[in-house]
Protein backbone atom coordinates (compact mmCIF):
# COMPACT_ATOMS: atom_id res chain seq x y z
CA MET A 1 -77.51 24.43 3.49
CA ILE A 2 -73.96 23.68 4.86
CA LEU A 3 -75.34 20.80 7.17
CA LYS A 4 -76.58 18.92 4.35
CA LYS A 5 -72.95 19.28 2.77
CA THR A 6 -71.69 17.89 5.83
CA LEU A 7 -74.35 14.78 5.70
CA ILE A 8 -73.13 14.14 2.27
CA VAL A 9 -69.27 13.89 3.24
CA CYS A 10 -70.26 11.96 6.57
CA GLY A 11 -73.59 10.13 5.55
CA ALA A 12 -72.15 8.75 2.39
CA THR A 13 -69.82 6.51 4.50
CA ALA A 14 -72.09 6.57 7.69
CA LEU A 15 -72.49 2.70 7.72
CA TRP A 16 -68.76 2.69 8.30
CA LEU A 17 -68.18 5.65 10.18
CA SER A 18 -67.25 5.76 13.79
CA SER A 19 -67.28 9.48 14.24
CA CYS A 20 -67.98 12.74 12.57
CA VAL A 21 -66.81 16.24 13.74
CA SER A 22 -68.10 18.96 11.57
CA LEU A 23 -66.20 22.32 11.79
CA GLN A 24 -68.35 24.05 9.00
CA SER A 25 -70.72 26.91 10.07
CA GLN A 26 -74.21 25.75 11.25
CA GLN A 27 -76.45 27.82 8.94
CA LEU A 28 -80.09 27.34 9.70
CA ASP A 29 -83.05 28.04 7.21
CA SER A 30 -85.47 29.19 10.14
CA LYS A 31 -85.16 33.28 10.70
CA ASP A 32 -86.03 33.09 14.34
CA THR A 33 -83.84 30.28 15.59
CA LYS A 34 -82.16 32.44 18.20
CA LYS A 35 -85.18 34.21 19.47
CA GLN A 36 -85.04 32.70 22.97
CA LYS A 37 -82.73 30.37 24.74
CA THR A 38 -83.72 28.02 27.36
CA GLU A 39 -82.33 28.21 31.01
CA PRO A 40 -80.59 25.03 32.07
CA VAL A 41 -81.34 24.01 35.70
CA LEU A 42 -78.69 22.62 37.74
CA THR A 43 -79.51 19.69 40.24
CA SER A 44 -77.32 17.56 42.35
CA ASN A 45 -76.97 14.87 39.59
CA ALA A 46 -77.78 16.58 36.58
CA LEU A 47 -78.06 19.72 34.34
CA VAL A 48 -81.65 19.84 33.19
CA ILE A 49 -81.71 21.34 29.69
CA PHE A 50 -85.47 20.72 28.89
CA ASP A 51 -88.46 19.17 30.79
CA LYS A 52 -92.12 20.04 31.36
CA THR A 53 -91.08 23.05 33.61
CA ASN A 54 -89.49 25.13 30.61
CA ALA A 55 -91.20 23.60 27.64
CA LYS A 56 -91.01 26.50 24.92
CA LYS A 57 -91.11 26.19 21.36
CA GLU A 58 -89.01 29.34 20.78
CA ASN A 59 -85.94 27.51 22.21
CA TRP A 60 -86.16 24.90 19.64
CA TYR A 61 -85.29 24.91 15.82
CA ALA A 62 -85.26 22.97 12.75
CA CYS A 63 -82.26 22.68 10.39
CA ALA A 64 -84.49 23.37 7.62
CA ASP A 65 -87.67 25.63 7.72
CA GLY A 66 -90.46 23.32 8.83
CA LYS A 67 -88.58 20.14 8.62
CA PRO A 68 -89.06 18.49 10.82
CA ALA A 69 -92.19 20.16 12.07
CA ILE A 70 -91.69 21.23 15.74
CA THR A 71 -94.41 21.76 18.22
CA ILE A 72 -94.80 21.65 22.11
CA GLU A 73 -97.69 19.38 23.47
CA GLU A 74 -98.41 18.56 27.10
CA GLY A 75 -95.11 19.72 28.05
CA CYS A 76 -93.28 17.46 25.41
CA LEU A 77 -91.28 18.71 22.16
CA LYS A 78 -92.77 16.77 19.14
CA ALA A 79 -90.77 16.59 15.88
CA SER A 80 -93.03 15.24 13.02
CA PHE A 81 -91.14 14.08 9.78
CA VAL A 82 -91.82 12.26 6.51
CA GLN A 83 -89.23 10.21 4.88
CA ALA A 84 -86.50 11.48 7.02
CA MET A 85 -82.87 10.86 6.20
CA GLY A 86 -80.60 12.98 8.25
CA ASP A 87 -83.09 15.58 9.17
CA CYS A 88 -82.10 17.41 12.38
CA PHE A 89 -83.45 19.73 14.88
CA GLY A 90 -82.17 21.20 18.20
CA ILE A 91 -82.46 23.38 21.21
CA PHE A 92 -80.38 26.53 22.15
CA PHE A 93 -79.32 27.56 25.59
CA ASP A 94 -76.68 29.98 27.11
CA PRO A 95 -73.18 28.67 26.66
CA ILE A 96 -72.22 26.20 29.33
CA ASP A 97 -69.13 23.85 30.20
CA VAL A 98 -70.15 20.26 29.54
CA SER A 99 -67.00 18.70 30.09
CA THR A 100 -67.77 17.54 33.75
CA LYS A 101 -71.36 16.22 32.51
CA PRO A 102 -70.67 15.07 28.93
CA VAL A 103 -73.24 12.53 28.82
CA ILE A 104 -76.74 13.55 27.05
CA LYS A 105 -79.62 11.90 28.59
CA VAL A 106 -82.69 11.88 26.67
CA LYS A 107 -86.34 10.79 27.51
CA VAL A 108 -87.89 9.88 24.25
CA LYS A 109 -90.70 7.84 22.38
CA TYR A 110 -91.53 7.41 18.92
CA LYS A 111 -94.94 7.04 16.94
CA ALA A 112 -94.63 5.76 13.40
CA GLY A 113 -96.31 7.28 10.50
CA THR A 114 -99.82 5.84 8.99
CA SER A 115 -98.06 4.38 5.99
CA ALA A 116 -98.18 0.58 6.25
CA ASN A 117 -94.55 -0.01 5.18
CA THR A 118 -92.95 2.70 7.32
CA ASP A 119 -90.67 1.36 9.90
CA LYS A 120 -91.65 0.49 13.41
CA GLN A 121 -88.43 2.02 14.96
CA VAL A 122 -86.26 4.99 14.18
CA GLU A 123 -82.57 6.06 14.72
CA LEU A 124 -82.05 8.96 16.86
CA LEU A 125 -78.70 10.56 17.29
CA ALA A 126 -77.72 13.47 19.54
CA GLY A 127 -74.63 15.85 19.62
CA PHE A 128 -73.28 19.19 20.69
CA THR A 129 -72.77 22.38 18.92
CA ASP A 130 -70.46 25.14 20.42
CA THR A 131 -70.31 28.91 20.17
CA SER A 132 -68.30 28.74 17.19
CA LYS A 133 -71.06 26.70 15.43
CA ASN A 134 -68.74 23.81 15.09
CA LYS A 135 -70.70 20.42 15.47
CA THR A 136 -69.81 17.06 17.00
CA TYR A 137 -71.63 14.06 16.51
CA PHE A 138 -70.80 10.43 16.09
CA PRO A 139 -73.10 8.00 13.95
CA LEU A 140 -72.29 4.83 15.87
CA LYS A 141 -73.90 6.63 18.96
CA ASN A 142 -77.26 6.10 17.24
CA VAL A 143 -80.09 4.56 19.44
CA LEU A 144 -82.92 2.75 18.05
CA VAL A 145 -86.32 4.02 19.45
CA LYS A 146 -89.20 1.65 18.95
CA GLU A 147 -92.93 2.62 18.30
CA ASN A 148 -95.39 2.30 21.48
CA SER A 149 -92.66 1.60 23.82
CA GLY A 150 -93.54 4.48 26.16
CA PHE A 151 -91.09 7.07 27.29
CA ILE A 152 -87.42 5.59 27.58
CA GLU A 153 -84.27 7.23 28.70
CA TYR A 154 -81.29 6.81 26.21
CA LEU A 155 -77.71 8.06 26.82
CA PHE A 156 -75.34 9.67 24.28
CA ASP A 157 -71.93 9.49 26.14
CA TYR A 158 -69.28 12.06 25.00
CA ASN A 159 -66.90 11.58 27.90
CA ILE A 160 -63.90 10.29 25.90
CA GLU A 161 -64.46 12.83 23.03
CA SER A 162 -64.68 15.72 25.54
CA LYS A 163 -61.29 14.64 26.80
CA ASN A 164 -59.69 14.50 23.34
CA LYS A 165 -57.37 17.64 23.22
CA ASN A 166 -56.64 17.10 19.35
CA GLU A 167 -60.46 17.61 18.56
CA ASN A 168 -61.25 21.25 17.18
CA PHE A 169 -64.50 21.33 19.34
CA ASP A 170 -64.94 23.44 22.30
CA TYR A 171 -66.65 21.56 25.15
CA SER A 172 -66.39 24.50 27.38
CA LYS A 173 -68.71 26.68 25.32
CA VAL A 174 -71.65 24.33 24.31
CA ASN A 175 -74.76 26.18 23.48
CA SER A 176 -77.06 23.64 21.54
CA ILE A 177 -77.76 20.15 21.30
CA LEU A 178 -78.55 18.74 18.00
CA PHE A 179 -80.80 15.70 17.22
CA PHE A 180 -80.44 13.74 14.10
CA ILE A 181 -83.30 11.51 12.58
CA ASN A 182 -82.24 8.31 10.89
CA ILE A 183 -78.80 9.65 9.73
CA THR A 184 -77.63 6.05 8.58
CA GLY A 185 -80.87 4.27 7.82
CA THR A 186 -83.40 4.14 4.94
CA THR A 187 -85.70 7.01 3.58
CA ASN A 188 -88.99 5.29 4.65
CA ILE A 189 -88.94 6.58 8.14
CA SER A 190 -92.06 8.69 8.82
CA GLY A 191 -93.60 9.59 12.16
CA GLU A 192 -93.20 11.63 15.31
CA ILE A 193 -90.60 11.83 18.08
CA SER A 194 -91.68 13.09 21.44
CA ILE A 195 -89.12 14.30 24.06
CA GLU A 196 -90.08 14.72 27.51
CA GLU A 197 -86.67 15.56 29.22
CA ILE A 198 -83.14 16.26 28.09
CA ALA A 199 -80.40 16.50 30.78
CA LEU A 200 -76.47 16.24 30.97
CA ILE A 201 -75.22 13.87 33.39
CA LYS A 202 -71.84 12.68 34.58
CA PRO A 203 -70.18 9.58 32.90
CA THR A 204 -71.67 6.28 34.49
CA LYS A 205 -68.30 4.56 34.39
């Protein structure tokens, strides 16, 4: 899978990497990844990509078939994983211009696996995919989601990157948000990530 090749290039130096822009085609194993797209809802302050009102499994995909396992429960997206190291999943939608709202706001919580030595926190990273299947994600934008902390909002700010004209990525034609699990950490990460809401907002500064 081409994404895994990207992770070899980027992940091998991920601890020292400040950014990564993949211009390789995003080939996904799942056959039905584009069966449906979610309909973003524009509010006064945000563009809501996902919440309890439009929680449909068909809008989501895993980068490898069945890994992580994706379900919708009580209006939340749940991604279950075992010893994840750069595992990824995402949500499709009709192409939109994110240049005015380049900050991904995600309301998420983490439940660790049953193994006694699995970490009680997990790294989560979010990035964009454009209609040409280019991906942009920056490992240093990782956030740590602690177990049993409830749903907390995390921000992934791409304001500076969206203004970078030298970057070969089209922020005016984004059609997917891609999530990475434990892209720079250890392999002993197992558990479940729950996402209650995803929205795009304007920069806070």
